[in-house]
């Protein structure tokens, strides 16, 4: 485990607030990476996906970089633009 990972683990054990913030950031990163992966797998550019759902390309970019925390409505629109459906899974 790296020093950064060790620090994050220790900090999360010491602070519920920090642990919560890390969980939220990880979820945002997971959405960002999954969106980019799906978009590329169906052969769409950010611009093409944006056109399909009637949003600016910058919206797609901001979601894929984690800069934008998408609403559930936007997640559903993105899924539809990728011919997918949203399946919620709590672990």
PDB file of N, CA and C in Angstrom:
ATOM      1  N   UNK A   1       0.841  -1.168   0.000  1.00  0.00           N
ATOM      2  CA  UNK A   1       0.000   0.000   0.000  1.00  0.00           C
ATOM      3  C   UNK A   1       0.895   1.242   0.000  1.00  0.00           C
ATOM      4  N   UNK A   2       0.528   2.241  -0.782  1.00  0.00           N
ATOM      5  CA  UNK A   2       1.338   3.449  -0.865  1.00  0.00           C
ATOM      6  C   UNK A   2       1.156   4.317   0.378  1.00  0.00           C
ATOM      7  N   UNK A   3       2.026   5.283   0.533  1.00  0.00           N
ATOM      8  CA  UNK A   3       1.923   6.195   1.669  1.00  0.00           C
ATOM      9  C   UNK A   3       0.609   6.983   1.610  1.00  0.00           C
ATOM     10  N   UNK A   4       0.198   7.352   0.417  1.00  0.00           N
ATOM     11  CA  UNK A   4      -1.055   8.088   0.259  1.00  0.00           C
ATOM     12  C   UNK A   4      -2.234   7.207   0.675  1.00  0.00           C
ATOM     13  N   UNK A   5      -2.240   5.972   0.217  1.00  0.00           N
ATOM     14  CA  UNK A   5      -3.313   5.055   0.591  1.00  0.00           C
ATOM     15  C   UNK A   5      -3.328   4.813   2.097  1.00  0.00           C
ATOM     16  N   UNK A   6      -2.150   4.667   2.693  1.00  0.00           N
ATOM     17  CA  UNK A   6      -2.057   4.497   4.143  1.00  0.00           C
ATOM     18  C   UNK A   6      -2.635   5.708   4.870  1.00  0.00           C
ATOM     19  N   UNK A   7      -2.277   6.886   4.380  1.00  0.00           N
ATOM     20  CA  UNK A   7      -2.759   8.127   4.992  1.00  0.00           C
ATOM     21  C   UNK A   7      -4.285   8.212   4.892  1.00  0.00           C
ATOM     22  N   UNK A   8      -4.829   7.919   3.717  1.00  0.00           N
ATOM     23  CA  UNK A   8      -6.273   7.981   3.519  1.00  0.00           C
ATOM     24  C   UNK A   8      -6.982   6.983   4.427  1.00  0.00           C
ATOM     25  N   UNK A   9      -6.452   5.777   4.504  1.00  0.00           N
ATOM     26  CA  UNK A   9      -7.063   4.746   5.348  1.00  0.00           C
ATOM     27  C   UNK A   9      -7.074   5.181   6.810  1.00  0.00           C
ATOM     28  N   UNK A  10      -5.938   5.689   7.296  1.00  0.00           N
ATOM     29  CA  UNK A  10      -5.849   6.120   8.685  1.00  0.00           C
ATOM     30  C   UNK A  10      -6.776   7.296   8.935  1.00  0.00           C
ATOM     31  N   UNK A  11      -6.761   8.245   8.040  1.00  0.00           N
ATOM     32  CA  UNK A  11      -7.606   9.435   8.196  1.00  0.00           C
ATOM     33  C   UNK A  11      -9.083   9.054   8.195  1.00  0.00           C
ATOM     34  N   UNK A  12      -9.472   8.098   7.345  1.00  0.00           N
ATOM     35  CA  UNK A  12     -10.866   7.645   7.285  1.00  0.00           C
ATOM     36  C   UNK A  12     -11.261   6.926   8.572  1.00  0.00           C
ATOM     37  N   UNK A  13     -10.329   6.213   9.169  1.00  0.00           N
ATOM     38  CA  UNK A  13     -10.610   5.536  10.440  1.00  0.00           C
ATOM     39  C   UNK A  13     -10.791   6.538  11.578  1.00  0.00           C
ATOM     40  N   UNK A  14     -10.078   7.654  11.488  1.00  0.00           N
ATOM     41  CA  UNK A  14     -10.104   8.661  12.539  1.00  0.00           C
ATOM     42  C   UNK A  14     -11.248   9.667  12.398  1.00  0.00           C
ATOM     43  N   UNK A  15     -11.802   9.779  11.190  1.00  0.00           N
ATOM     44  CA  UNK A  15     -12.812  10.811  10.946  1.00  0.00           C
ATOM     45  C   UNK A  15     -13.940  10.278  10.072  1.00  0.00           C
ATOM     46  N   UNK A  16     -15.140  10.230  10.634  1.00  0.00           N
ATOM     47  CA  UNK A  16     -16.303   9.795   9.849  1.00  0.00           C
ATOM     48  C   UNK A  16     -16.581  10.760   8.712  1.00  0.00           C
ATOM     49  N   UNK A  17     -16.376  12.038   8.962  1.00  0.00           N
ATOM     50  CA  UNK A  17     -16.607  13.042   7.919  1.00  0.00           C
ATOM     51  C   UNK A  17     -15.650  12.825   6.742  1.00  0.00           C
ATOM     52  N   UNK A  18     -14.384  12.592   7.041  1.00  0.00           N
ATOM     53  CA  UNK A  18     -13.398  12.333   5.994  1.00  0.00           C
ATOM     54  C   UNK A  18     -13.758  11.060   5.229  1.00  0.00           C
ATOM     55  N   UNK A  19     -14.149  10.019   5.955  1.00  0.00           N
ATOM     56  CA  UNK A  19     -14.527   8.753   5.316  1.00  0.00           C
ATOM     57  C   UNK A  19     -15.703   8.969   4.376  1.00  0.00           C
ATOM     58  N   UNK A  20     -16.670   9.763   4.808  1.00  0.00           N
ATOM     59  CA  UNK A  20     -17.831  10.060   3.964  1.00  0.00           C
ATOM     60  C   UNK A  20     -17.408  10.823   2.706  1.00  0.00           C
ATOM     61  N   UNK A  21     -16.579  11.834   2.865  1.00  0.00           N
ATOM     62  CA  UNK A  21     -16.113  12.613   1.713  1.00  0.00           C
ATOM     63  C   UNK A  21     -15.348  11.743   0.724  1.00  0.00           C
ATOM     64  N   UNK A  22     -14.543  10.840   1.230  1.00  0.00           N
ATOM     65  CA  UNK A  22     -13.796   9.935   0.355  1.00  0.00           C
ATOM     66  C   UNK A  22     -14.738   9.000  -0.396  1.00  0.00           C
ATOM     67  N   UNK A  23     -15.778   8.519   0.280  1.00  0.00           N
ATOM     68  CA  UNK A  23     -16.755   7.647  -0.361  1.00  0.00           C
ATOM     69  C   UNK A  23     -17.479   8.379  -1.490  1.00  0.00           C
ATOM     70  N   UNK A  24     -17.852   9.626  -1.249  1.00  0.00           N
ATOM     71  CA  UNK A  24     -18.527  10.430  -2.270  1.00  0.00           C
ATOM     72  C   UNK A  24     -17.601  10.656  -3.468  1.00  0.00           C
ATOM     73  N   UNK A  25     -16.367  11.017  -3.196  1.00  0.00           N
ATOM     74  CA  UNK A  25     -15.414  11.255  -4.286  1.00  0.00           C
ATOM     75  C   UNK A  25     -15.158   9.979  -5.082  1.00  0.00           C
ATOM     76  N   UNK A  26     -15.081   8.836  -4.407  1.00  0.00           N
ATOM     77  CA  UNK A  26     -14.880   7.563  -5.109  1.00  0.00           C
ATOM     78  C   UNK A  26     -16.066   7.251  -6.000  1.00  0.00           C
ATOM     79  N   UNK A  27     -17.273   7.516  -5.524  1.00  0.00           N
ATOM     80  CA  UNK A  27     -18.473   7.276  -6.333  1.00  0.00           C
ATOM     81  C   UNK A  27     -18.478   8.181  -7.563  1.00  0.00           C
ATOM     82  N   UNK A  28     -18.096   9.445  -7.402  1.00  0.00           N
ATOM     83  CA  UNK A  28     -18.021  10.360  -8.545  1.00  0.00           C
ATOM     84  C   UNK A  28     -17.001   9.860  -9.567  1.00  0.00           C
ATOM     85  N   UNK A  29     -15.863   9.387  -9.074  1.00  0.00           N
ATOM     86  CA  UNK A  29     -14.831   8.860  -9.961  1.00  0.00           C
ATOM     87  C   UNK A  29     -15.330   7.615 -10.685  1.00  0.00           C
ATOM     88  N   UNK A  30     -16.039   6.745  -9.971  1.00  0.00           N
ATOM     89  CA  UNK A  30     -16.588   5.533 -10.592  1.00  0.00           C
ATOM     90  C   UNK A  30     -17.548   5.883 -11.725  1.00  0.00           C
ATOM     91  N   UNK A  31     -18.417   6.868 -11.488  1.00  0.00           N
ATOM     92  CA  UNK A  31     -19.363   7.301 -12.536  1.00  0.00           C
ATOM     93  C   UNK A  31     -18.594   7.878 -13.720  1.00  0.00           C
ATOM     94  N   UNK A  32     -17.620   8.713 -13.440  1.00  0.00           N
ATOM     95  CA  UNK A  32     -16.832   9.340 -14.504  1.00  0.00           C
ATOM     96  C   UNK A  32     -16.133   8.297 -15.372  1.00  0.00           C
ATOM     97  N   UNK A  33     -15.474   7.351 -14.728  1.00  0.00           N
ATOM     98  CA  UNK A  33     -14.739   6.323 -15.472  1.00  0.00           C
ATOM     99  C   UNK A  33     -15.675   5.414 -16.247  1.00  0.00           C
ATOM    100  N   UNK A  34     -16.809   5.057 -15.646  1.00  0.00           N
ATOM    101  CA  UNK A  34     -17.765   4.176 -16.318  1.00  0.00           C
ATOM    102  C   UNK A  34     -18.364   4.861 -17.531  1.00  0.00           C
ATOM    103  N   UNK A  35     -18.712   6.126 -17.395  1.00  0.00           N
ATOM    104  CA  UNK A  35     -19.273   6.867 -18.527  1.00  0.00           C
ATOM    105  C   UNK A  35     -18.281   6.911 -19.685  1.00  0.00           C
ATOM    106  N   UNK A  36     -17.040   7.272 -19.395  1.00  0.00           N
ATOM    107  CA  UNK A  36     -16.029   7.343 -20.452  1.00  0.00           C
ATOM    108  C   UNK A  36     -15.829   5.979 -21.109  1.00  0.00           C
ATOM    109  N   UNK A  37     -15.778   4.939 -20.290  1.00  0.00           N
ATOM    110  CA  UNK A  37     -15.598   3.572 -20.802  1.00  0.00           C
ATOM    111  C   UNK A  37     -16.770   3.173 -21.718  1.00  0.00           C
ATOM    112  N   UNK A  38     -17.982   3.415 -21.260  1.00  0.00           N
ATOM    113  CA  UNK A  38     -19.162   3.058 -22.059  1.00  0.00           C
ATOM    114  C   UNK A  38     -19.222   3.854 -23.355  1.00  0.00           C
ATOM    115  N   UNK A  39     -18.973   5.150 -23.240  1.00  0.00           N
ATOM    116  CA  UNK A  39     -19.025   6.010 -24.429  1.00  0.00           C
ATOM    117  C   UNK A  39     -18.038   5.526 -25.481  1.00  0.00           C
ATOM    118  N   UNK A  40     -16.831   5.223 -25.055  1.00  0.00           N
ATOM    119  CA  UNK A  40     -15.812   4.755 -25.994  1.00  0.00           C
ATOM    120  C   UNK A  40     -16.168   3.386 -26.557  1.00  0.00           C
ATOM    121  N   UNK A  41     -16.762   2.519 -25.730  1.00  0.00           N
ATOM    122  CA  UNK A  41     -17.090   1.169 -26.194  1.00  0.00           C
ATOM    123  C   UNK A  41     -18.180   1.164 -27.264  1.00  0.00           C
ATOM    124  N   UNK A  42     -19.041   2.171 -27.245  1.00  0.00           N
ATOM    125  CA  UNK A  42     -20.071   2.253 -28.291  1.00  0.00           C
ATOM    126  C   UNK A  42     -19.622   3.115 -29.459  1.00  0.00           C
ATOM    127  N   UNK A  43     -18.395   3.625 -29.390  1.00  0.00           N
ATOM    128  CA  UNK A  43     -17.809   4.354 -30.507  1.00  0.00           C
ATOM    129  C   UNK A  43     -18.288   5.786 -30.668  1.00  0.00           C
ATOM    130  N   UNK A  44     -18.672   6.421 -29.570  1.00  0.00           N
ATOM    131  CA  UNK A  44     -19.123   7.811 -29.645  1.00  0.00           C
ATOM    132  C   UNK A  44     -18.059   8.746 -29.091  1.00  0.00           C
ATOM    133  N   UNK A  45     -17.963   9.916 -29.686  1.00  0.00           N
ATOM    134  CA  UNK A  45     -17.142  10.972 -29.111  1.00  0.00           C
ATOM    135  C   UNK A  45     -17.989  11.694 -28.067  1.00  0.00           C
ATOM    136  N   UNK A  46     -17.342  12.519 -27.267  1.00  0.00           N
ATOM    137  CA  UNK A  46     -18.096  13.324 -26.309  1.00  0.00           C
ATOM    138  C   UNK A  46     -19.113  14.201 -27.044  1.00  0.00           C
ATOM    139  N   UNK A  47     -18.699  14.772 -28.144  1.00  0.00           N
ATOM    140  CA  UNK A  47     -19.581  15.657 -28.914  1.00  0.00           C
ATOM    141  C   UNK A  47     -20.794  14.890 -29.446  1.00  0.00           C
ATOM    142  N   UNK A  48     -20.567  13.691 -29.960  1.00  0.00           N
ATOM    143  CA  UNK A  48     -21.679  12.891 -30.487  1.00  0.00           C
ATOM    144  C   UNK A  48     -22.678  12.518 -29.390  1.00  0.00           C
ATOM    145  N   UNK A  49     -22.169  12.119 -28.223  1.00  0.00           N
ATOM    146  CA  UNK A  49     -23.055  11.783 -27.117  1.00  0.00           C
ATOM    147  C   UNK A  49     -23.828  13.019 -26.677  1.00  0.00           C
ATOM    148  N   UNK A  50     -23.148  14.129 -26.586  1.00  0.00           N
ATOM    149  CA  UNK A  50     -23.805  15.379 -26.193  1.00  0.00           C
ATOM    150  C   UNK A  50     -24.932  15.736 -27.162  1.00  0.00           C
ATOM    151  N   UNK A  51     -24.682  15.579 -28.449  1.00  0.00           N
ATOM    152  CA  UNK A  51     -25.707  15.872 -29.450  1.00  0.00           C
ATOM    153  C   UNK A  51     -26.902  14.935 -29.295  1.00  0.00           C
ATOM    154  N   UNK A  52     -26.641  13.667 -28.996  1.00  0.00           N
ATOM    155  CA  UNK A  52     -27.734  12.700 -28.832  1.00  0.00           C
ATOM    156  C   UNK A  52     -28.658  13.060 -27.672  1.00  0.00           C
ATOM    157  N   UNK A  53     -28.105  13.658 -26.627  1.00  0.00           N
ATOM    158  CA  UNK A  53     -28.930  13.962 -25.460  1.00  0.00           C
ATOM    159  C   UNK A  53     -29.258  15.449 -25.333  1.00  0.00           C
ATOM    160  N   UNK A  54     -28.824  16.235 -26.306  1.00  0.00           N
ATOM    161  CA  UNK A  54     -29.160  17.656 -26.308  1.00  0.00           C
ATOM    162  C   UNK A  54     -28.465  18.478 -25.238  1.00  0.00           C
ATOM    163  N   UNK A  55     -27.222  18.115 -24.949  1.00  0.00           N
ATOM    164  CA  UNK A  55     -26.423  18.844 -23.957  1.00  0.00           C
ATOM    165  C   UNK A  55     -25.138  19.317 -24.626  1.00  0.00           C
ATOM    166  N   UNK A  56     -24.489  20.321 -24.049  1.00  0.00           N
ATOM    167  CA  UNK A  56     -23.187  20.739 -24.588  1.00  0.00           C
ATOM    168  C   UNK A  56     -22.115  19.670 -24.344  1.00  0.00           C
ATOM    169  N   UNK A  57     -21.146  19.616 -25.223  1.00  0.00           N
ATOM    170  CA  UNK A  57     -20.038  18.664 -25.073  1.00  0.00           C
ATOM    171  C   UNK A  57     -19.322  18.883 -23.756  1.00  0.00           C
ATOM    172  N   UNK A  58     -19.282  20.113 -23.297  1.00  0.00           N
ATOM    173  CA  UNK A  58     -18.595  20.404 -22.030  1.00  0.00           C
ATOM    174  C   UNK A  58     -19.241  19.677 -20.851  1.00  0.00           C
ATOM    175  N   UNK A  59     -20.538  19.413 -20.935  1.00  0.00           N
ATOM    176  CA  UNK A  59     -21.207  18.665 -19.866  1.00  0.00           C
ATOM    177  C   UNK A  59     -20.655  17.253 -19.784  1.00  0.00           C
ATOM    178  N   UNK A  60     -20.492  16.617 -20.940  1.00  0.00           N
ATOM    179  CA  UNK A  60     -19.942  15.255 -20.973  1.00  0.00           C
ATOM    180  C   UNK A  60     -18.521  15.271 -20.416  1.00  0.00           C
ATOM    181  N   UNK A  61     -17.734  16.227 -20.863  1.00  0.00           N
ATOM    182  CA  UNK A  61     -16.357  16.339 -20.402  1.00  0.00           C
ATOM    183  C   UNK A  61     -16.293  16.542 -18.899  1.00  0.00           C
ATOM    184  N   UNK A  62     -17.131  17.406 -18.364  1.00  0.00           N
ATOM    185  CA  UNK A  62     -17.113  17.703 -16.932  1.00  0.00           C
ATOM    186  C   UNK A  62     -17.539  16.486 -16.110  1.00  0.00           C
ATOM    187  N   UNK A  63     -18.477  15.692 -16.617  1.00  0.00           N
ATOM    188  CA  UNK A  63     -18.864  14.467 -15.906  1.00  0.00           C
ATOM    189  C   UNK A  63     -17.712  13.470 -15.950  1.00  0.00           C
ATOM    190  N   UNK A  64     -17.100  13.309 -17.130  1.00  0.00           N
ATOM    191  CA  UNK A  64     -16.020  12.320 -17.286  1.00  0.00           C
ATOM    192  C   UNK A  64     -14.758  12.670 -16.507  1.00  0.00           C
ATOM    193  N   UNK A  65     -14.567  13.945 -16.206  1.00  0.00           N
ATOM    194  CA  UNK A  65     -13.396  14.332 -15.412  1.00  0.00           C
ATOM    195  C   UNK A  65     -13.714  14.411 -13.921  1.00  0.00           C
ATOM    196  N   UNK A  66     -14.983  14.214 -13.574  1.00  0.00           N
ATOM    197  CA  UNK A  66     -15.383  14.285 -12.177  1.00  0.00           C
ATOM    198  C   UNK A  66     -15.629  15.699 -11.691  1.00  0.00           C
ATOM    199  N   UNK A  67     -15.533  16.664 -12.586  1.00  0.00           N
ATOM    200  CA  UNK A  67     -15.756  18.064 -12.219  1.00  0.00           C
ATOM    201  C   UNK A  67     -17.230  18.333 -11.936  1.00  0.00           C
ATOM    202  N   UNK A  68     -18.112  17.618 -12.630  1.00  0.00           N
ATOM    203  CA  UNK A  68     -19.551  17.794 -12.474  1.00  0.00           C
ATOM    204  C   UNK A  68     -20.139  16.563 -11.810  1.00  0.00           C
ATOM    205  N   UNK A  69     -20.859  16.778 -10.741  1.00  0.00           N
ATOM    206  CA  UNK A  69     -21.573  15.706 -10.063  1.00  0.00           C
ATOM    207  C   UNK A  69     -22.954  15.629 -10.718  1.00  0.00           C
ATOM    208  N   UNK A  70     -23.183  14.627 -11.587  1.00  0.00           N
ATOM    209  CA  UNK A  70     -24.424  14.622 -12.354  1.00  0.00           C
ATOM    210  C   UNK A  70     -25.642  14.265 -11.517  1.00  0.00           C
ATOM    211  N   UNK A  71     -26.753  14.893 -11.849  1.00  0.00           N
ATOM    212  CA  UNK A  71     -28.017  14.540 -11.213  1.00  0.00           C
ATOM    213  C   UNK A  71     -28.446  13.165 -11.724  1.00  0.00           C
ATOM    214  N   UNK A  72     -29.397  12.557 -11.033  1.00  0.00           N
ATOM    215  CA  UNK A  72     -29.902  11.265 -11.493  1.00  0.00           C
ATOM    216  C   UNK A  72     -30.559  11.426 -12.856  1.00  0.00           C
ATOM    217  N   UNK A  73     -31.195  12.570 -13.093  1.00  0.00           N
ATOM    218  CA  UNK A  73     -31.804  12.819 -14.409  1.00  0.00           C
ATOM    219  C   UNK A  73     -30.749  12.821 -15.509  1.00  0.00           C
ATOM    220  N   UNK A  74     -29.616  13.468 -15.249  1.00  0.00           N
ATOM    221  CA  UNK A  74     -28.551  13.498 -16.248  1.00  0.00           C
ATOM    222  C   UNK A  74     -27.962  12.106 -16.447  1.00  0.00           C
ATOM    223  N   UNK A  75     -27.806  11.351 -15.389  1.00  0.00           N
ATOM    224  CA  UNK A  75     -27.287   9.982 -15.508  1.00  0.00           C
ATOM    225  C   UNK A  75     -28.217   9.152 -16.396  1.00  0.00           C
ATOM    226  N   UNK A  76     -29.517   9.306 -16.196  1.00  0.00           N
ATOM    227  CA  UNK A  76     -30.482   8.570 -17.017  1.00  0.00           C
ATOM    228  C   UNK A  76     -30.400   9.017 -18.476  1.00  0.00           C
ATOM    229  N   UNK A  77     -30.292  10.317 -18.712  1.00  0.00           N
ATOM    230  CA  UNK A  77     -30.150  10.822 -20.088  1.00  0.00           C
ATOM    231  C   UNK A  77     -28.887  10.270 -20.744  1.00  0.00           C
ATOM    232  N   UNK A  78     -27.793  10.258 -19.999  1.00  0.00           N
ATOM    233  CA  UNK A  78     -26.535   9.729 -20.534  1.00  0.00           C
ATOM    234  C   UNK A  78     -26.677   8.254 -20.872  1.00  0.00           C
ATOM    235  N   UNK A  79     -27.295   7.501 -19.984  1.00  0.00           N
ATOM    236  CA  UNK A  79     -27.509   6.073 -20.234  1.00  0.00           C
ATOM    237  C   UNK A  79     -28.341   5.869 -21.488  1.00  0.00           C
ATOM    238  N   UNK A  80     -29.403   6.635 -21.631  1.00  0.00           N
ATOM    239  CA  UNK A  80     -30.248   6.518 -22.818  1.00  0.00           C
ATOM    240  C   UNK A  80     -29.470   6.870 -24.084  1.00  0.00           C
ATOM    241  N   UNK A  81     -28.617   7.882 -24.002  1.00  0.00           N
ATOM    242  CA  UNK A  81     -27.784   8.254 -25.143  1.00  0.00           C
ATOM    243  C   UNK A  81     -26.803   7.160 -25.538  1.00  0.00           C
ATOM    244  N   UNK A  82     -26.492   6.303 -24.577  1.00  0.00           N
ATOM    245  CA  UNK A  82     -25.585   5.184 -24.825  1.00  0.00           C
ATOM    246  C   UNK A  82     -26.344   3.878 -25.064  1.00  0.00           C
ATOM    247  N   UNK A  83     -27.672   3.986 -25.201  1.00  0.00           N
ATOM    248  CA  UNK A  83     -28.543   2.805 -25.363  1.00  0.00           C
ATOM    249  C   UNK A  83     -28.382   1.824 -24.211  1.00  0.00           C
ATOM    250  N   UNK A  84     -28.279   2.372 -23.029  1.00  0.00           N
ATOM    251  CA  UNK A  84     -28.167   1.582 -21.794  1.00  0.00           C
ATOM    252  C   UNK A  84     -29.278   1.999 -20.858  1.00  0.00           C
ATOM    253  N   UNK A  85     -29.444   1.253 -19.777  1.00  0.00           N
ATOM    254  CA  UNK A  85     -30.348   1.671 -18.726  1.00  0.00           C
ATOM    255  C   UNK A  85     -29.574   1.709 -17.413  1.00  0.00           C
ATOM    256  N   UNK A  86     -30.038   2.540 -16.518  1.00  0.00           N
ATOM    257  CA  UNK A  86     -29.387   2.678 -15.223  1.00  0.00           C
ATOM    258  C   UNK A  86     -29.895   1.567 -14.305  1.00  0.00           C
ATOM    259  N   UNK A  87     -28.957   0.870 -13.679  1.00  0.00           N
ATOM    260  CA  UNK A  87     -29.286  -0.165 -12.698  1.00  0.00           C
ATOM    261  C   UNK A  87     -28.578   0.234 -11.409  1.00  0.00           C
ATOM    262  N   UNK A  88     -29.349   0.471 -10.381  1.00  0.00           N
ATOM    263  CA  UNK A  88     -28.786   0.890  -9.102  1.00  0.00           C
ATOM    264  C   UNK A  88     -28.460  -0.345  -8.270  1.00  0.00           C
ATOM    265  N   UNK A  89     -27.259  -0.333  -7.697  1.00  0.00           N
ATOM    266  CA  UNK A  89     -26.808  -1.483  -6.915  1.00  0.00           C
ATOM    267  C   UNK A  89     -26.148  -0.971  -5.640  1.00  0.00           C
ATOM    268  N   UNK A  90     -26.697  -1.364  -4.497  1.00  0.00           N
ATOM    269  CA  UNK A  90     -26.078  -1.028  -3.220  1.00  0.00           C
ATOM    270  C   UNK A  90     -25.356  -2.267  -2.717  1.00  0.00           C
ATOM    271  N   UNK A  91     -24.124  -2.085  -2.315  1.00  0.00           N
ATOM    272  CA  UNK A  91     -23.329  -3.204  -1.805  1.00  0.00           C
ATOM    273  C   UNK A  91     -23.030  -3.006  -0.338  1.00  0.00           C
TER     274      UNK A  91
END
